[in-house]
Amino acid sequence: MFCATLLPQWPVLANDGNVREYVDEITAASITVALRPLVFARERTDLAANARDYITLAPVEINRTGTRRYFWTGYIWSTIDRRGREPLLSPGDQLVLIADGRTITLHTDDRSLRDHGVGEPPVPAPTRTAVAVLYAADPESIAYVSRAAELRIELVRSNTNDPFLLWKDARQSVRAFSERVGGG
């Protein structure tokens, strides 16, 4: 008699153009992520023509056996070769997301995506030199950001604020994510 070994039947990848839901093949965590990140930029014409620093953020939900955690995941990167220069984000610097005047301090999560149950980054790196970032979030603040008319990020460093303005607007994707996870 033939006896076949049953393999787990992972859910089919769901992708509606704004949100992707999948089961991580390495950790078996359920992942929901906005497909298009918000991209913020600041001009660096003091260093070179058409030079910019960027911050990309996409909301992600990590569901490990019913325990749901929310984050802003993304990257900090630049068109500038930073070898021998001050890094874009130094220890002690703080990023503040400002949505319609409301400040949302982005608190770094000291654990990696892998520590939270994500085997592969849910958002691809925009460049090979991009530095991955992970900030704690909650569904309510993600929903608020998705509906905000004005968005920017302030890099607070040594009592100075450097603004990063919204460069690529992906609020539609963030809003679809928020609706999918029940953020309002």
C-alpha atoms as a PDB file:
ATOM      1  CA  MET A   1       0.000   0.000   0.000  1.00  0.00           C
ATOM      2  CA  PHE A   2       1.286   3.470  -0.928  1.00  0.00           C
ATOM      3  CA  CYS A   3       1.706   5.991   1.914  1.00  0.00           C
ATOM      4  CA  ALA A   4       2.506   9.550   0.923  1.00  0.00           C
ATOM      5  CA  THR A   5       4.049  12.002   3.322  1.00  0.00           C
ATOM      6  CA  LEU A   6       1.775  15.000   3.702  1.00  0.00           C
ATOM      7  CA  LEU A   7       3.505  18.332   3.345  1.00  0.00           C
ATOM      8  CA  PRO A   8       2.046  21.461   4.876  1.00  0.00           C
ATOM      9  CA  GLN A   9      -0.241  23.336   2.540  1.00  0.00           C
ATOM     10  CA  TRP A  10       0.946  26.941   2.872  1.00  0.00           C
ATOM     11  CA  PRO A  11      -1.649  29.561   2.032  1.00  0.00           C
ATOM     12  CA  VAL A  12      -1.392  30.955  -1.440  1.00  0.00           C
ATOM     13  CA  LEU A  13       0.273  34.359  -1.649  1.00  0.00           C
ATOM     14  CA  ALA A  14      -2.399  37.068  -1.566  1.00  0.00           C
ATOM     15  CA  ASN A  15      -1.564  40.259  -3.399  1.00  0.00           C
ATOM     16  CA  ASP A  16      -4.163  42.867  -4.298  1.00  0.00           C
ATOM     17  CA  GLY A  17      -1.662  45.403  -5.635  1.00  0.00           C
ATOM     18  CA  ASN A  18      -1.510  47.310  -2.343  1.00  0.00           C
ATOM     19  CA  VAL A  19      -1.072  44.650   0.330  1.00  0.00           C
ATOM     20  CA  ARG A  20       0.667  41.293   0.333  1.00  0.00           C
ATOM     21  CA  GLU A  21      -0.206  38.511   2.768  1.00  0.00           C
ATOM     22  CA  TYR A  22       1.897  35.396   2.951  1.00  0.00           C
ATOM     23  CA  VAL A  23       3.284  32.724   5.214  1.00  0.00           C
ATOM     24  CA  ASP A  24       7.019  33.100   5.694  1.00  0.00           C
ATOM     25  CA  GLU A  25       8.601  29.946   4.271  1.00  0.00           C
ATOM     26  CA  ILE A  26      11.414  30.009   6.827  1.00  0.00           C
ATOM     27  CA  THR A  27       9.539  30.778  10.059  1.00  0.00           C
ATOM     28  CA  ALA A  28       5.878  29.955   9.198  1.00  0.00           C
ATOM     29  CA  ALA A  29       4.779  33.355  10.572  1.00  0.00           C
ATOM     30  CA  SER A  30       1.910  35.056   8.754  1.00  0.00           C
ATOM     31  CA  ILE A  31       3.084  38.355   7.282  1.00  0.00           C
ATOM     32  CA  THR A  32       0.970  41.238   6.015  1.00  0.00           C
ATOM     33  CA  VAL A  33       2.803  44.166   4.443  1.00  0.00           C
ATOM     34  CA  ALA A  34       2.003  47.242   2.368  1.00  0.00           C
ATOM     35  CA  LEU A  35       3.480  46.596  -1.066  1.00  0.00           C
ATOM     36  CA  ARG A  36       4.571  50.163  -1.702  1.00  0.00           C
ATOM     37  CA  PRO A  37       6.484  52.020   1.007  1.00  0.00           C
ATOM     38  CA  LEU A  38       6.267  55.690   1.824  1.00  0.00           C
ATOM     39  CA  VAL A  39       9.467  57.331   0.597  1.00  0.00           C
ATOM     40  CA  PHE A  40      10.777  60.493   2.241  1.00  0.00           C
ATOM     41  CA  ALA A  41      13.729  62.503   0.925  1.00  0.00           C
ATOM     42  CA  ARG A  42      15.889  65.457   1.813  1.00  0.00           C
ATOM     43  CA  GLU A  43      17.906  67.321  -0.770  1.00  0.00           C
ATOM     44  CA  ARG A  44      21.688  67.282  -0.275  1.00  0.00           C
ATOM     45  CA  THR A  45      22.728  69.845  -2.874  1.00  0.00           C
ATOM     46  CA  ASP A  46      25.378  70.968  -0.371  1.00  0.00           C
ATOM     47  CA  LEU A  47      27.257  67.771  -1.278  1.00  0.00           C
ATOM     48  CA  ALA A  48      26.380  67.194  -4.940  1.00  0.00           C
ATOM     49  CA  ALA A  49      23.822  68.097  -7.589  1.00  0.00           C
ATOM     50  CA  ASN A  50      20.711  65.894  -7.424  1.00  0.00           C
ATOM     51  CA  ALA A  51      21.966  64.222  -4.231  1.00  0.00           C
ATOM     52  CA  ARG A  52      19.368  63.021  -1.717  1.00  0.00           C
ATOM     53  CA  ASP A  53      19.050  61.056   1.490  1.00  0.00           C
ATOM     54  CA  TYR A  54      16.017  58.772   1.735  1.00  0.00           C
ATOM     55  CA  ILE A  55      13.919  57.011   4.335  1.00  0.00           C
ATOM     56  CA  THR A  56      11.444  54.365   3.205  1.00  0.00           C
ATOM     57  CA  LEU A  57       8.762  53.012   5.526  1.00  0.00           C
ATOM     58  CA  ALA A  58       6.135  50.321   5.043  1.00  0.00           C
ATOM     59  CA  PRO A  59       3.816  48.952   7.713  1.00  0.00           C
ATOM     60  CA  VAL A  60       4.051  45.245   8.463  1.00  0.00           C
ATOM     61  CA  GLU A  61       2.068  42.909  10.686  1.00  0.00           C
ATOM     62  CA  ILE A  62       3.783  39.770  11.966  1.00  0.00           C
ATOM     63  CA  ASN A  63       1.408  37.113  13.250  1.00  0.00           C
ATOM     64  CA  ARG A  64       3.058  34.293  15.155  1.00  0.00           C
ATOM     65  CA  THR A  65       0.423  31.814  16.349  1.00  0.00           C
ATOM     66  CA  GLY A  66      -2.099  34.570  17.009  1.00  0.00           C
ATOM     67  CA  THR A  67       0.285  37.081  18.578  1.00  0.00           C
ATOM     68  CA  ARG A  68       0.270  40.103  16.278  1.00  0.00           C
ATOM     69  CA  ARG A  69       3.044  42.709  16.281  1.00  0.00           C
ATOM     70  CA  TYR A  70       3.136  45.843  14.149  1.00  0.00           C
ATOM     71  CA  PHE A  71       6.131  47.705  12.802  1.00  0.00           C
ATOM     72  CA  TRP A  72       7.317  50.253  10.298  1.00  0.00           C
ATOM     73  CA  THR A  73       9.954  48.426   8.287  1.00  0.00           C
ATOM     74  CA  GLY A  74      12.126  50.008   5.683  1.00  0.00           C
ATOM     75  CA  TYR A  75      15.489  51.452   4.822  1.00  0.00           C
ATOM     76  CA  ILE A  76      17.668  54.499   5.215  1.00  0.00           C
ATOM     77  CA  TRP A  77      19.783  55.168   2.148  1.00  0.00           C
ATOM     78  CA  SER A  78      21.403  57.829   0.090  1.00  0.00           C
ATOM     79  CA  THR A  79      22.581  58.668  -3.401  1.00  0.00           C
ATOM     80  CA  ILE A  80      25.766  59.919  -1.721  1.00  0.00           C
ATOM     81  CA  ASP A  81      28.786  57.694  -1.175  1.00  0.00           C
ATOM     82  CA  ARG A  82      29.012  57.848   2.619  1.00  0.00           C
ATOM     83  CA  ARG A  83      32.410  56.199   2.998  1.00  0.00           C
ATOM     84  CA  GLY A  84      34.441  58.496   5.221  1.00  0.00           C
ATOM     85  CA  ARG A  85      31.417  60.696   5.955  1.00  0.00           C
ATOM     86  CA  GLU A  86      29.074  60.914   8.907  1.00  0.00           C
ATOM     87  CA  PRO A  87      26.422  58.172   8.690  1.00  0.00           C
ATOM     88  CA  LEU A  88      22.921  59.232   7.779  1.00  0.00           C
ATOM     89  CA  LEU A  89      21.626  58.101  11.179  1.00  0.00           C
ATOM     90  CA  SER A  90      23.994  58.169  14.164  1.00  0.00           C
ATOM     91  CA  PRO A  91      23.506  56.863  17.708  1.00  0.00           C
ATOM     92  CA  GLY A  92      21.437  59.397  19.634  1.00  0.00           C
ATOM     93  CA  ASP A  93      19.634  60.661  16.522  1.00  0.00           C
ATOM     94  CA  GLN A  94      15.871  60.407  16.537  1.00  0.00           C
ATOM     95  CA  LEU A  95      13.356  60.131  13.722  1.00  0.00           C
ATOM     96  CA  VAL A  96       9.927  61.673  14.170  1.00  0.00           C
ATOM     97  CA  LEU A  97       7.122  61.023  11.715  1.00  0.00           C
ATOM     98  CA  ILE A  98       4.826  64.035  11.523  1.00  0.00           C
ATOM     99  CA  ALA A  99       1.318  63.422  10.219  1.00  0.00           C
ATOM    100  CA  ASP A 100      -0.927  66.509  10.008  1.00  0.00           C
ATOM    101  CA  GLY A 101       1.070  68.095  12.821  1.00  0.00           C
ATOM    102  CA  ARG A 102       0.854  65.035  15.104  1.00  0.00           C
ATOM    103  CA  THR A 103       4.286  63.744  16.098  1.00  0.00           C
ATOM    104  CA  ILE A 104       4.895  60.005  16.099  1.00  0.00           C
ATOM    105  CA  THR A 105       8.336  59.206  17.460  1.00  0.00           C
ATOM    106  CA  LEU A 106       9.835  56.228  15.663  1.00  0.00           C
ATOM    107  CA  HIS A 107      11.264  53.977  18.360  1.00  0.00           C
ATOM    108  CA  THR A 108      13.888  51.554  17.134  1.00  0.00           C
ATOM    109  CA  ASP A 109      13.179  47.937  17.871  1.00  0.00           C
ATOM    110  CA  ASP A 110      16.405  46.374  19.100  1.00  0.00           C
ATOM    111  CA  ARG A 111      15.453  43.019  17.659  1.00  0.00           C
ATOM    112  CA  SER A 112      15.732  42.132  13.988  1.00  0.00           C
ATOM    113  CA  LEU A 113      12.918  41.102  11.681  1.00  0.00           C
ATOM    114  CA  ARG A 114      14.277  37.553  11.923  1.00  0.00           C
ATOM    115  CA  ASP A 115      13.955  37.679  15.723  1.00  0.00           C
ATOM    116  CA  HIS A 116      10.290  38.590  15.215  1.00  0.00           C
ATOM    117  CA  GLY A 117       9.665  35.660  12.865  1.00  0.00           C
ATOM    118  CA  VAL A 118      10.412  37.068   9.418  1.00  0.00           C
ATOM    119  CA  GLY A 119      12.941  35.015   7.463  1.00  0.00           C
ATOM    120  CA  GLU A 120      13.293  37.364   4.492  1.00  0.00           C
ATOM    121  CA  PRO A 121      12.722  41.144   4.421  1.00  0.00           C
ATOM    122  CA  PRO A 122       9.108  41.815   3.374  1.00  0.00           C
ATOM    123  CA  VAL A 123      10.172  44.966   1.489  1.00  0.00           C
ATOM    124  CA  PRO A 124      13.108  44.752  -0.922  1.00  0.00           C
ATOM    125  CA  ALA A 125      16.093  47.022  -0.337  1.00  0.00           C
ATOM    126  CA  PRO A 126      16.142  49.984  -2.761  1.00  0.00           C
ATOM    127  CA  THR A 127      19.954  49.793  -3.054  1.00  0.00           C
ATOM    128  CA  ARG A 128      22.677  47.413  -1.917  1.00  0.00           C
ATOM    129  CA  THR A 129      23.957  50.001   0.578  1.00  0.00           C
ATOM    130  CA  ALA A 130      20.567  50.671   2.176  1.00  0.00           C
ATOM    131  CA  VAL A 131      20.458  50.155   5.942  1.00  0.00           C
ATOM    132  CA  ALA A 132      17.423  48.224   7.193  1.00  0.00           C
ATOM    133  CA  VAL A 133      15.359  49.849   9.945  1.00  0.00           C
ATOM    134  CA  LEU A 134      12.576  48.548  12.158  1.00  0.00           C
ATOM    135  CA  TYR A 135      10.348  50.743  14.322  1.00  0.00           C
ATOM    136  CA  ALA A 136       7.571  49.678  16.694  1.00  0.00           C
ATOM    137  CA  ALA A 137       4.088  50.707  15.563  1.00  0.00           C
ATOM    138  CA  ASP A 138       0.437  50.133  16.328  1.00  0.00           C
ATOM    139  CA  PRO A 139      -2.613  49.813  14.050  1.00  0.00           C
ATOM    140  CA  GLU A 140      -4.089  53.145  15.181  1.00  0.00           C
ATOM    141  CA  SER A 141      -1.029  55.251  14.315  1.00  0.00           C
ATOM    142  CA  ILE A 142      -0.636  53.435  10.989  1.00  0.00           C
ATOM    143  CA  ALA A 143      -4.287  54.243  10.185  1.00  0.00           C
ATOM    144  CA  TYR A 144      -3.725  57.884  11.178  1.00  0.00           C
ATOM    145  CA  VAL A 145      -0.682  58.141   8.887  1.00  0.00           C
ATOM    146  CA  SER A 146      -2.640  56.575   6.015  1.00  0.00           C
ATOM    147  CA  ARG A 147      -5.303  59.304   6.261  1.00  0.00           C
ATOM    148  CA  ALA A 148      -3.004  62.282   6.921  1.00  0.00           C
ATOM    149  CA  ALA A 149      -2.982  65.074   4.354  1.00  0.00           C
ATOM    150  CA  GLU A 150       0.592  66.112   5.189  1.00  0.00           C
ATOM    151  CA  LEU A 151       3.464  63.767   6.022  1.00  0.00           C
ATOM    152  CA  ARG A 152       7.127  64.339   6.704  1.00  0.00           C
ATOM    153  CA  ILE A 153       9.912  62.952   8.841  1.00  0.00           C
ATOM    154  CA  GLU A 154      12.198  65.063  11.009  1.00  0.00           C
ATOM    155  CA  LEU A 155      15.698  63.845  11.783  1.00  0.00           C
ATOM    156  CA  VAL A 156      16.445  65.304  15.225  1.00  0.00           C
ATOM    157  CA  ARG A 157      20.191  65.553  15.771  1.00  0.00           C
ATOM    158  CA  SER A 158      22.060  67.750  18.249  1.00  0.00           C
ATOM    159  CA  ASN A 159      19.117  70.133  18.648  1.00  0.00           C
ATOM    160  CA  THR A 160      18.666  70.531  14.895  1.00  0.00           C
ATOM    161  CA  ASN A 161      15.852  69.181  12.791  1.00  0.00           C
ATOM    162  CA  ASP A 162      16.428  68.083   9.216  1.00  0.00           C
ATOM    163  CA  PRO A 163      13.173  67.554   7.309  1.00  0.00           C
ATOM    164  CA  PHE A 164      12.588  64.627   4.974  1.00  0.00           C
ATOM    165  CA  LEU A 165       9.634  65.478   2.745  1.00  0.00           C
ATOM    166  CA  LEU A 166       7.267  62.941   1.226  1.00  0.00           C
ATOM    167  CA  TRP A 167       8.878  62.026  -2.086  1.00  0.00           C
ATOM    168  CA  LYS A 168       6.810  58.999  -3.166  1.00  0.00           C
ATOM    169  CA  ASP A 169       3.299  58.891  -1.844  1.00  0.00           C
ATOM    170  CA  ALA A 170       2.090  55.382  -1.020  1.00  0.00           C
ATOM    171  CA  ARG A 171      -0.686  56.304   1.397  1.00  0.00           C
ATOM    172  CA  GLN A 172      -3.141  54.274  -0.678  1.00  0.00           C
ATOM    173  CA  SER A 173      -1.087  51.143   0.011  1.00  0.00           C
ATOM    174  CA  VAL A 174      -0.734  52.055   3.711  1.00  0.00           C
ATOM    175  CA  ARG A 175      -4.512  52.689   3.908  1.00  0.00           C
ATOM    176  CA  ALA A 176      -5.255  49.306   2.307  1.00  0.00           C
ATOM    177  CA  PHE A 177      -2.880  47.680   4.819  1.00  0.00           C
ATOM    178  CA  SER A 178      -4.636  49.454   7.695  1.00  0.00           C
ATOM    179  CA  GLU A 179      -8.052  48.301   6.506  1.00  0.00           C
ATOM    180  CA  ARG A 180      -6.769  44.737   6.086  1.00  0.00           C
ATOM    181  CA  VAL A 181      -5.433  44.512   9.656  1.00  0.00           C
ATOM    182  CA  GLY A 182      -8.364  46.356  11.226  1.00  0.00           C
ATOM    183  CA  GLY A 183      -6.621  49.601  12.028  1.00  0.00           C
ATOM    184  CA  GLY A 184      -9.622  51.795  11.383  1.00  0.00           C
END
